[in-house]
Protein backbone atom coordinates (compact mmCIF):
# COMPACT_ATOMS: atom_id res chain seq x y z
CA MET A 1 -81.75 -24.35 56.61
CA SER A 2 -82.55 -25.46 53.08
CA LEU A 3 -80.75 -28.32 51.32
CA PRO A 4 -79.49 -28.09 47.72
CA ALA A 5 -81.75 -29.47 45.09
CA LEU A 6 -80.80 -32.87 43.77
CA PRO A 7 -80.89 -33.56 40.05
CA ALA A 8 -83.88 -35.35 38.79
CA ALA A 9 -83.68 -38.97 37.95
CA GLY A 10 -82.47 -39.63 34.43
CA ALA A 11 -81.11 -36.07 33.84
CA THR A 12 -77.57 -35.63 32.33
CA PRO A 13 -75.19 -33.63 34.55
CA SER A 14 -73.79 -30.36 33.01
CA PRO A 15 -70.08 -30.38 32.20
CA SER A 16 -67.63 -28.51 34.41
CA PRO A 17 -65.64 -25.48 33.09
CA THR A 18 -62.44 -27.52 32.95
CA GLU A 19 -64.11 -30.20 30.92
CA SER A 20 -65.55 -27.70 28.37
CA THR A 21 -62.09 -26.13 27.45
CA ALA A 22 -60.18 -29.39 27.01
CA PRO A 23 -58.90 -29.88 23.40
CA ALA A 24 -60.53 -32.48 21.32
CA VAL A 25 -58.41 -35.54 20.63
CA PRO A 26 -57.92 -36.03 16.83
CA THR A 27 -59.36 -39.20 15.62
CA LEU A 28 -57.97 -41.59 13.05
CA GLN A 29 -60.37 -40.20 10.49
CA ASP A 30 -59.02 -36.62 10.94
CA ALA A 31 -55.42 -37.79 10.46
CA GLN A 32 -56.39 -39.65 7.33
CA GLU A 33 -58.04 -36.54 5.88
CA SER A 34 -54.94 -34.40 6.60
CA ALA A 35 -52.68 -36.91 4.91
CA ASN A 36 -54.94 -36.99 1.89
CA HIS A 37 -54.84 -33.17 1.63
CA ALA A 38 -50.99 -33.11 1.85
CA ALA A 39 -50.66 -35.86 -0.70
CA SER A 40 -52.96 -34.06 -3.10
CA TRP A 41 -51.01 -30.75 -2.65
CA VAL A 42 -47.70 -32.50 -3.27
CA GLU A 43 -49.16 -34.25 -6.26
CA GLN A 44 -50.33 -30.96 -7.70
CA ASN A 45 -47.12 -28.95 -7.06
CA TRP A 46 -44.27 -31.45 -7.12
CA SER A 47 -43.50 -30.82 -10.75
CA THR A 48 -43.23 -27.03 -10.17
CA TRP A 49 -40.90 -27.41 -7.18
CA LEU A 50 -38.83 -29.99 -8.99
CA ALA A 51 -38.43 -27.67 -11.96
CA ILE A 52 -37.45 -24.77 -9.67
CA GLY A 53 -34.92 -26.91 -7.81
CA LEU A 54 -33.38 -28.20 -11.00
CA ARG A 55 -33.22 -24.68 -12.39
CA VAL A 56 -31.47 -23.38 -9.26
CA ILE A 57 -28.99 -26.25 -9.30
CA LEU A 58 -28.30 -25.67 -12.98
CA ILE A 59 -27.71 -21.94 -12.41
CA LEU A 60 -25.31 -22.61 -9.54
CA VAL A 61 -23.41 -25.28 -11.49
CA ILE A 62 -23.06 -23.05 -14.55
CA ALA A 63 -21.92 -20.12 -12.37
CA ALA A 64 -19.33 -22.26 -10.59
CA VAL A 65 -17.98 -23.70 -13.84
CA LEU A 66 -17.88 -20.29 -15.51
CA ARG A 67 -16.10 -18.77 -12.51
CA VAL A 68 -13.44 -21.50 -12.53
CA ALA A 69 -12.95 -21.15 -16.28
CA VAL A 70 -12.64 -17.35 -16.13
CA ARG A 71 -10.19 -17.48 -13.22
CA ARG A 72 -8.09 -20.05 -15.04
CA ALA A 73 -8.09 -17.92 -18.18
CA ILE A 74 -6.97 -14.90 -16.13
CA THR A 75 -4.17 -16.97 -14.59
CA GLN A 76 -2.98 -18.11 -18.02
CA LEU A 77 -3.08 -14.51 -19.28
CA ILE A 78 -0.94 -13.33 -16.36
CA GLU A 79 1.55 -16.15 -16.93
CA ARG A 80 1.76 -15.26 -20.61
CA MET A 81 2.47 -11.64 -19.70
CA ASN A 82 5.25 -12.80 -17.38
CA ARG A 83 6.78 -14.98 -20.08
CA SER A 84 6.75 -12.15 -22.60
CA SER A 85 8.34 -9.81 -20.06
CA GLU A 86 11.02 -12.39 -19.29
CA ALA A 87 11.76 -12.82 -22.98
CA THR A 88 12.12 -9.07 -23.37
CA ALA A 89 14.38 -8.87 -20.33
CA ASN A 90 16.57 -11.70 -21.58
CA GLY A 91 16.79 -10.19 -25.04
CA THR A 92 18.04 -6.77 -23.93
CA SER A 93 19.90 -5.60 -20.89
CA LEU A 94 17.74 -2.48 -20.75
CA GLY A 95 14.59 -4.56 -20.36
CA GLY A 96 16.07 -6.36 -17.38
CA LEU A 97 16.81 -3.05 -15.69
CA LEU A 98 13.41 -1.61 -16.42
CA VAL A 99 11.38 -4.43 -14.87
CA ASN A 100 13.06 -6.88 -12.53
CA ALA A 101 11.70 -10.30 -11.55
CA GLU A 102 10.32 -9.30 -8.15
CA ARG A 103 8.56 -6.23 -9.47
CA ARG A 104 7.12 -8.25 -12.36
CA ARG A 105 5.83 -10.85 -9.92
CA GLN A 106 4.19 -8.24 -7.69
CA ARG A 107 2.57 -6.51 -10.63
CA ALA A 108 1.23 -9.80 -12.01
CA ALA A 109 -0.15 -10.78 -8.60
CA ALA A 110 -1.90 -7.41 -8.21
CA ILE A 111 -3.41 -7.51 -11.70
CA GLY A 112 -4.54 -11.12 -11.26
CA SER A 113 -6.15 -10.38 -7.90
CA VAL A 114 -8.11 -7.42 -9.27
CA LEU A 115 -9.33 -9.28 -12.35
CA ARG A 116 -10.33 -12.38 -10.36
CA SER A 117 -12.25 -10.30 -7.84
CA VAL A 118 -14.13 -8.41 -10.56
CA ALA A 119 -14.96 -11.63 -12.45
CA SER A 120 -16.17 -13.41 -9.29
CA PHE A 121 -18.35 -10.45 -8.31
CA LEU A 122 -20.01 -10.24 -11.73
CA ILE A 123 -20.61 -13.98 -12.10
CA LEU A 124 -21.87 -14.63 -8.58
CA GLY A 125 -24.01 -11.48 -8.54
CA THR A 126 -25.68 -12.45 -11.81
CA ALA A 127 -26.28 -15.99 -10.52
CA ALA A 128 -27.89 -14.67 -7.32
CA LEU A 129 -30.28 -12.47 -9.30
CA MET A 130 -31.22 -15.40 -11.55
CA VAL A 131 -31.93 -17.60 -8.52
CA LEU A 132 -34.21 -14.94 -7.01
CA ALA A 133 -36.02 -14.60 -10.33
CA THR A 134 -36.53 -18.39 -10.38
CA PHE A 135 -38.50 -18.16 -7.12
CA GLN A 136 -40.72 -15.56 -8.82
CA ILE A 137 -39.47 -12.73 -6.63
CA ASN A 138 -40.05 -9.30 -8.11
CA LEU A 139 -36.58 -7.88 -8.72
CA ALA A 140 -37.74 -4.43 -9.85
CA PRO A 141 -37.90 -2.88 -6.33
CA LEU A 142 -34.61 -4.58 -5.41
CA LEU A 143 -32.83 -3.32 -8.51
CA ALA A 144 -34.33 0.15 -8.10
CA SER A 145 -33.20 0.31 -4.46
CA ALA A 146 -29.77 -0.97 -5.40
CA GLY A 147 -29.54 1.63 -8.18
CA VAL A 148 -30.49 4.49 -5.86
CA ALA A 149 -28.07 3.25 -3.21
CA GLY A 150 -25.34 2.91 -5.83
CA VAL A 151 -25.90 6.45 -7.07
CA ALA A 152 -25.85 7.80 -3.50
CA VAL A 153 -22.71 5.88 -2.60
CA GLY A 154 -21.04 6.84 -5.88
CA PHE A 155 -21.87 10.50 -5.37
CA GLY A 156 -20.70 10.51 -1.76
CA ALA A 157 -17.60 8.42 -2.37
CA ARG A 158 -16.68 9.70 -5.83
CA ASN A 159 -13.16 10.50 -4.67
CA LEU A 160 -12.78 6.95 -3.39
CA VAL A 161 -13.99 5.53 -6.71
CA THR A 162 -11.64 7.86 -8.59
CA ASP A 163 -8.69 6.79 -6.44
CA PHE A 164 -9.53 3.12 -6.93
CA LEU A 165 -9.86 3.34 -10.71
CA SER A 166 -6.67 5.40 -10.97
CA GLY A 167 -4.81 2.81 -8.90
CA VAL A 168 -6.07 -0.01 -11.11
CA PHE A 169 -4.87 1.70 -14.29
CA MET A 170 -1.53 2.62 -12.70
CA ILE A 171 -0.93 -1.03 -11.88
CA LEU A 172 -2.14 -2.26 -15.27
CA GLU A 173 0.06 0.23 -17.14
CA ASP A 174 3.05 -0.35 -14.83
CA GLN A 175 3.69 3.36 -14.39
CA TYR A 176 5.86 2.78 -11.30
CA GLY A 177 6.63 0.14 -8.72
CA VAL A 178 8.16 -0.39 -5.30
CA GLY A 179 11.70 0.97 -5.21
CA ASP A 180 11.22 3.54 -8.00
CA THR A 181 11.98 7.21 -7.43
CA ILE A 182 9.12 9.26 -8.83
CA ASP A 183 7.89 12.83 -9.00
CA ALA A 184 4.11 12.77 -8.55
CA GLY A 185 3.63 16.53 -8.66
CA VAL A 186 2.17 16.79 -5.14
CA ALA A 187 5.14 14.90 -3.66
CA SER A 188 8.31 13.15 -4.75
CA GLY A 189 10.43 10.38 -3.31
CA GLU A 190 11.00 6.63 -3.33
CA VAL A 191 7.95 4.38 -3.68
CA ILE A 192 7.65 2.08 -0.66
CA GLU A 193 4.11 0.79 -1.24
CA VAL A 194 1.64 0.81 -4.12
CA GLY A 195 -2.04 0.38 -3.29
CA LEU A 196 -5.27 0.66 -5.21
CA ARG A 197 -6.18 3.85 -3.35
CA VAL A 198 -2.97 5.34 -1.87
CA THR A 199 0.70 5.32 -2.87
CA LYS A 200 3.30 5.72 -0.11
CA LEU A 201 6.46 7.69 -0.87
CA ARG A 202 9.53 8.29 1.27
CA GLY A 203 10.95 11.78 0.78
CA ALA A 204 14.55 12.91 0.73
CA ASP A 205 14.44 13.86 4.44
CA GLY A 206 12.91 10.54 5.50
CA GLU A 207 9.29 11.70 5.65
CA ILE A 208 6.52 9.46 4.32
CA TRP A 209 4.00 10.92 1.89
CA TYR A 210 0.56 9.35 1.41
CA VAL A 211 -0.53 10.32 -2.09
CA ARG A 212 -4.04 9.51 -3.27
CA ASN A 213 -3.97 7.97 -6.72
CA GLY A 214 -6.83 10.16 -7.91
CA GLU A 215 -4.84 13.34 -7.18
CA VAL A 216 -1.88 12.35 -9.34
CA LYS A 217 -2.06 14.21 -12.66
CA ARG A 218 1.42 13.35 -13.91
CA ILE A 219 4.15 10.88 -13.00
CA GLY A 220 7.86 11.40 -13.56
CA ASN A 221 9.63 8.07 -13.05
CA LEU A 222 13.32 8.62 -12.41
CA SER A 223 14.12 4.90 -12.13
CA GLN A 224 13.15 3.67 -15.58
CA GLY A 225 15.34 3.82 -18.67
CA TRP A 226 18.43 5.90 -17.98
CA ALA A 227 19.46 9.25 -16.56
CA THR A 228 21.56 12.02 -18.08
CA ALA A 229 24.33 13.72 -16.14
CA GLY A 230 25.24 17.16 -17.46
CA VAL A 231 28.03 19.46 -16.25
CA ASP A 232 28.67 23.00 -17.46
CA VAL A 233 32.24 24.33 -17.10
CA THR A 234 32.68 28.09 -17.41
CA VAL A 235 36.18 29.28 -18.32
CA ARG A 236 37.65 32.58 -19.42
CA ALA A 237 37.22 33.61 -23.02
CA SER A 238 40.98 33.94 -23.39
CA GLU A 239 41.58 30.22 -22.72
CA ASN A 240 42.76 27.99 -25.53
CA LEU A 241 39.81 25.83 -26.59
CA ASP A 242 41.95 22.98 -27.87
CA ARG A 243 43.80 22.82 -24.59
CA VAL A 244 40.54 22.91 -22.58
CA LYS A 245 39.02 20.16 -24.73
CA ALA A 246 42.13 17.99 -24.40
CA VAL A 247 42.02 18.23 -20.60
CA LEU A 248 38.30 17.43 -20.52
CA ASP A 249 38.76 14.46 -22.86
CA THR A 250 41.45 13.08 -20.57
CA VAL A 251 39.19 13.47 -17.51
CA ALA A 252 36.27 11.81 -19.31
CA GLU A 253 38.37 8.87 -20.49
CA ARG A 254 39.84 8.21 -17.05
CA MET A 255 36.47 8.39 -15.33
CA SER A 256 34.91 5.97 -17.83
CA LYS A 257 37.58 3.39 -16.97
CA ASP A 258 37.75 3.81 -13.18
CA GLU A 259 35.64 1.71 -10.82
CA PRO A 260 32.82 1.90 -9.86
CA TRP A 261 32.04 4.55 -12.46
CA ASN A 262 32.59 2.15 -15.35
CA GLU A 263 29.51 0.22 -14.17
CA ILE A 264 27.41 3.28 -13.40
CA LEU A 265 28.13 4.96 -16.72
CA TRP A 266 26.20 3.48 -19.65
CA GLY A 267 28.35 5.27 -22.17
CA PRO A 268 31.47 7.40 -22.40
CA VAL A 269 31.50 10.91 -21.01
CA GLU A 270 31.14 13.19 -24.02
CA VAL A 271 32.45 16.74 -24.42
CA LEU A 272 29.60 18.29 -26.35
CA GLY A 273 31.48 21.52 -27.02
CA LEU A 274 30.64 25.15 -26.42
CA ASP A 275 27.20 25.63 -24.95
CA SER A 276 27.40 29.43 -24.90
CA VAL A 277 29.96 32.16 -25.62
CA LEU A 278 29.93 35.49 -23.78
CA ILE A 279 32.16 38.54 -24.01
CA ASP A 280 34.50 37.48 -21.23
CA SER A 281 33.62 33.79 -20.63
CA MET A 282 32.53 30.65 -22.38
CA VAL A 283 30.68 27.53 -21.24
CA VAL A 284 31.76 24.01 -22.21
CA ARG A 285 29.20 21.27 -21.62
CA LEU A 286 29.86 17.64 -20.71
CA SER A 287 27.22 14.92 -20.80
CA ALA A 288 27.01 11.24 -19.85
CA LYS A 289 24.31 8.57 -19.84
CA THR A 290 24.10 6.84 -16.44
CA MET A 291 22.08 4.36 -14.49
CA PRO A 292 18.73 5.62 -13.15
CA GLY A 293 19.16 7.65 -9.99
CA LYS A 294 22.97 8.01 -10.37
CA ALA A 295 23.11 11.25 -12.34
CA ARG A 296 23.75 13.48 -9.31
CA ALA A 297 26.63 11.31 -8.09
CA VAL A 298 28.21 11.28 -11.55
CA GLU A 299 27.91 15.06 -11.84
CA ARG A 300 29.60 15.62 -8.46
CA GLU A 301 32.47 13.28 -9.31
CA LEU A 302 32.88 14.83 -12.73
CA ARG A 303 33.09 18.36 -11.30
CA TRP A 304 35.65 17.16 -8.76
CA ARG A 305 37.86 15.65 -11.44
CA VAL A 306 37.55 18.65 -13.79
CA LYS A 307 38.51 21.07 -11.01
CA ARG A 308 41.62 19.08 -10.09
CA ALA A 309 42.68 18.72 -13.73
CA PHE A 310 42.22 22.43 -14.40
CA ASP A 311 44.24 23.32 -11.32
CA GLU A 312 47.08 21.13 -12.56
CA GLU A 313 46.97 22.73 -16.01
CA ASP A 314 46.53 26.26 -14.62
CA ILE A 315 43.15 26.73 -16.29
CA ARG A 316 40.92 29.07 -14.35
CA ILE A 317 37.23 28.26 -13.83
CA VAL A 318 34.99 31.33 -13.78
CA GLY A 319 31.87 31.20 -11.69
CA GLY A 320 29.36 33.64 -10.26
CA LEU A 321 30.69 36.90 -11.75
CA PRO A 322 32.02 37.58 -15.25
CA ALA A 323 35.74 37.11 -15.73
CA THR A 324 36.60 40.82 -15.88
CA LEU A 325 34.73 41.65 -12.70
CA ALA A 326 36.26 38.67 -10.91
CA GLU A 327 39.76 39.78 -11.95
CA GLU A 328 39.09 43.37 -10.89
CA GLU A 329 37.82 42.27 -7.49
CA ALA A 330 40.84 40.01 -7.05
CA ASP A 331 43.20 42.92 -7.93
CA ASP A 332 41.39 45.28 -5.58
CA SER A 333 41.54 42.80 -2.73
CA THR A 334 45.35 42.50 -3.06
CA ALA A 335 46.02 46.28 -3.42
CA PRO A 336 47.13 48.14 -0.26
CA VAL A 337 44.60 50.39 1.37
CA ALA A 338 45.65 54.08 1.33
CA PRO A 339 45.15 56.14 4.52
CA PRO A 340 42.43 58.77 4.40
CA SER A 341 43.59 62.14 3.16
CA VAL A 342 43.24 65.32 5.19
CA HIS A 343 41.42 68.12 3.43
CA SER A 344 42.67 71.71 3.86
CA ASN A 345 39.23 73.20 3.64
CA PRO A 346 38.40 74.50 7.11
CA ASP A 347 34.68 74.46 6.41
CA SER A 348 34.58 70.72 5.74
CA PRO A 349 33.70 68.46 8.68
CA GLN A 350 36.52 66.09 7.80
CA SER A 351 39.11 68.87 8.28
CA GLU A 352 37.64 69.71 11.62
CA ALA A 353 37.75 66.11 12.68
CA ALA A 354 41.34 65.77 11.46
CA SER A 355 42.67 69.06 12.97
CA PRO A 356 44.49 68.84 16.27
CA ILE A 357 42.72 69.84 19.49
CA PRO A 358 43.91 73.30 20.70
CA PRO A 359 45.41 73.45 24.21
CA PRO A 360 43.18 74.76 26.98
CA ARG A 361 43.40 78.43 27.84
CA PRO A 362 44.65 79.48 31.26
CA ALA A 363 41.97 80.48 33.70
CA ALA A 364 41.41 84.23 34.24
CA LYS A 365 42.51 85.64 37.57
């Protein structure tokens, strides 16, 4: 059995594997060198970083001040529009009916919100790009990517952009508002909600129509200004025109004074005269200016009153057929019906049907 060899006297023992991988402890001299390098780097670049920081702060301050100023200017513009609308409404009764206080407030709020959002987006977006440019970031790839993405989104969502822009202009121009009765071409009814993309209408049968603003090519607002009620009365050509006009004038005068028609009518009911003259009939036209949306009710009431007045004065209203045909049909309906005649011609089928049945012959034995 052999014994391990002992190290020679004076020889240095070799380090163990654990001792060879241990990290070296930094000395005071190494820390001093690192501090000197950091101090020299700060000394060389502090002016650049200070300039960049001041530039960023200046950009943000200017953007914030400009945003506040623009929003305040928009608010003052909206208030001035409201004051001018109120002055117009107080000056004329028609202006007060066209745009009421609640509708004016909603329209001003919508316009102000859109303008403030657009101004904030433009100002803050420009400030963000200027800050990135301050840090020497190349904006060309970013702007190119944003442009391509914008073109793709605009091409794919062109209908959405069209609807949005159409809604903005509809609100700015005050084409209609909540509570108005409109004819939008694709649908008609009462406006229950106005949005930047979709307008909601309630139809005559209670259905709700969602109309995209970009699809609306024309708008017929039946709730602005006034409405015209027109009634055509057809009488026989043999009637006395002076007598017919006198009866119609009496009906028009009474209706203009009775409640609630005196508030609905914005003017007296006018007998315009003969609208057309035919061989056996003539048409007399009546017209009246009414509140918006009340023309149909005024026409129904006016027809009711004219019919009762004509019945009292024994003036016949002709409708549907000409007067001569109507009189002939009325005479024919009251005439007695004659029994069918029996023809003497034996060859005719009617004579055979009308002849009596011969008695049966006796049976042969």
